[in-house]
């Protein structure tokens, strides 16, 4: 645990996340007197629940949409070609 002049900061190194290497959490002043063990446990629990950054989710969703539309267009073109023969 790192203590600053007015703030208490917890550094979490072992987060096992594909996008993040470590996390720094600033403890609220009213909870600075809590036991260090509880603060570290809460910090690990919070970091464990980190998700994928929203920009990466949007890119994945756009890619999925384009792929689905491409497949639908291909099927439509194939059916049209069958009907026209």
Protein backbone atom coordinates (compact mmCIF):
# COMPACT_ATOMS: atom_id res chain seq x y z
CA UNK A 1 0.00 0.00 0.00
CA UNK A 2 1.27 3.45 -0.91
CA UNK A 3 0.37 6.40 1.28
CA UNK A 4 0.45 9.94 -0.05
CA UNK A 5 0.25 13.18 1.86
CA UNK A 6 -3.55 13.40 1.77
CA UNK A 7 -4.59 10.29 -0.11
CA UNK A 8 -4.16 6.57 0.37
CA UNK A 9 -3.60 4.58 -2.82
CA UNK A 10 -3.78 0.83 -3.34
CA UNK A 11 -1.80 -0.67 -6.21
CA UNK A 12 -2.99 -4.03 -7.54
CA UNK A 13 -0.32 -5.75 -9.64
CA UNK A 14 -1.58 -9.27 -10.25
CA UNK A 15 -4.85 -8.60 -12.06
CA UNK A 16 -4.72 -11.32 -14.78
CA UNK A 17 -6.50 -9.18 -17.38
CA UNK A 18 -5.72 -9.18 -21.10
CA UNK A 19 -5.91 -5.38 -21.43
CA UNK A 20 -4.57 -4.06 -18.13
CA UNK A 21 -1.24 -4.53 -16.40
CA UNK A 22 -1.96 -2.98 -12.99
CA UNK A 23 -4.52 -0.80 -11.25
CA UNK A 24 -4.23 2.12 -8.85
CA UNK A 25 -7.22 2.78 -6.58
CA UNK A 26 -7.59 5.83 -4.37
CA UNK A 27 -9.25 5.11 -1.04
CA UNK A 28 -11.92 7.51 0.18
CA UNK A 29 -10.71 9.51 3.21
CA UNK A 30 -13.45 8.14 5.48
CA UNK A 31 -12.22 4.58 4.85
CA UNK A 32 -8.48 5.19 5.30
CA UNK A 33 -8.69 3.88 8.85
CA UNK A 34 -10.00 0.47 7.73
CA UNK A 35 -7.76 -2.54 8.03
CA UNK A 36 -5.38 -2.87 5.10
CA UNK A 37 -6.44 -6.48 4.59
CA UNK A 38 -10.07 -5.49 3.92
CA UNK A 39 -9.08 -2.70 1.55
CA UNK A 40 -6.83 -4.99 -0.47
CA UNK A 41 -9.52 -7.68 -0.63
CA UNK A 42 -12.09 -5.17 -1.90
CA UNK A 43 -9.57 -3.82 -4.43
CA UNK A 44 -8.85 -7.29 -5.84
CA UNK A 45 -12.57 -8.02 -6.07
CA UNK A 46 -13.20 -4.76 -7.95
CA UNK A 47 -10.33 -5.29 -10.36
CA UNK A 48 -11.42 -8.87 -10.99
CA UNK A 49 -14.73 -7.55 -12.34
CA UNK A 50 -13.12 -5.23 -14.91
CA UNK A 51 -14.59 -5.82 -18.34
CA UNK A 52 -13.54 -5.15 -21.89
CA UNK A 53 -13.12 -1.45 -22.70
CA UNK A 54 -16.27 -0.07 -24.35
CA UNK A 55 -14.45 0.95 -27.55
CA UNK A 56 -13.44 -2.66 -28.14
CA UNK A 57 -17.01 -3.83 -27.53
CA UNK A 58 -18.29 -1.35 -30.13
CA UNK A 59 -15.76 -2.52 -32.71
CA UNK A 60 -16.72 -6.14 -32.10
CA UNK A 61 -20.42 -5.30 -32.42
CA UNK A 62 -19.85 -3.42 -35.69
CA UNK A 63 -17.81 -6.31 -37.08
CA UNK A 64 -20.55 -8.77 -36.12
CA UNK A 65 -23.19 -6.58 -37.76
CA UNK A 66 -21.21 -6.26 -41.01
CA UNK A 67 -20.60 -10.01 -41.06
CA UNK A 68 -24.29 -10.80 -40.55
CA UNK A 69 -25.35 -8.32 -43.23
CA UNK A 70 -22.79 -9.77 -45.64
CA UNK A 71 -24.04 -13.29 -45.06
CA UNK A 72 -27.65 -12.17 -45.49
CA UNK A 73 -26.77 -10.36 -48.75
CA UNK A 74 -24.97 -13.46 -50.02
CA UNK A 75 -27.94 -15.69 -49.26
CA UNK A 76 -30.31 -13.19 -50.90
CA UNK A 77 -28.13 -13.02 -54.02
CA UNK A 78 -27.95 -16.81 -54.17
CA UNK A 79 -31.72 -17.19 -53.88
CA UNK A 80 -32.28 -14.52 -56.53
CA UNK A 81 -29.90 -16.29 -58.89
CA UNK A 82 -31.78 -19.58 -58.36
CA UNK A 83 -35.16 -17.97 -59.03
CA UNK A 84 -33.92 -16.21 -62.18
CA UNK A 85 -32.67 -19.48 -63.75
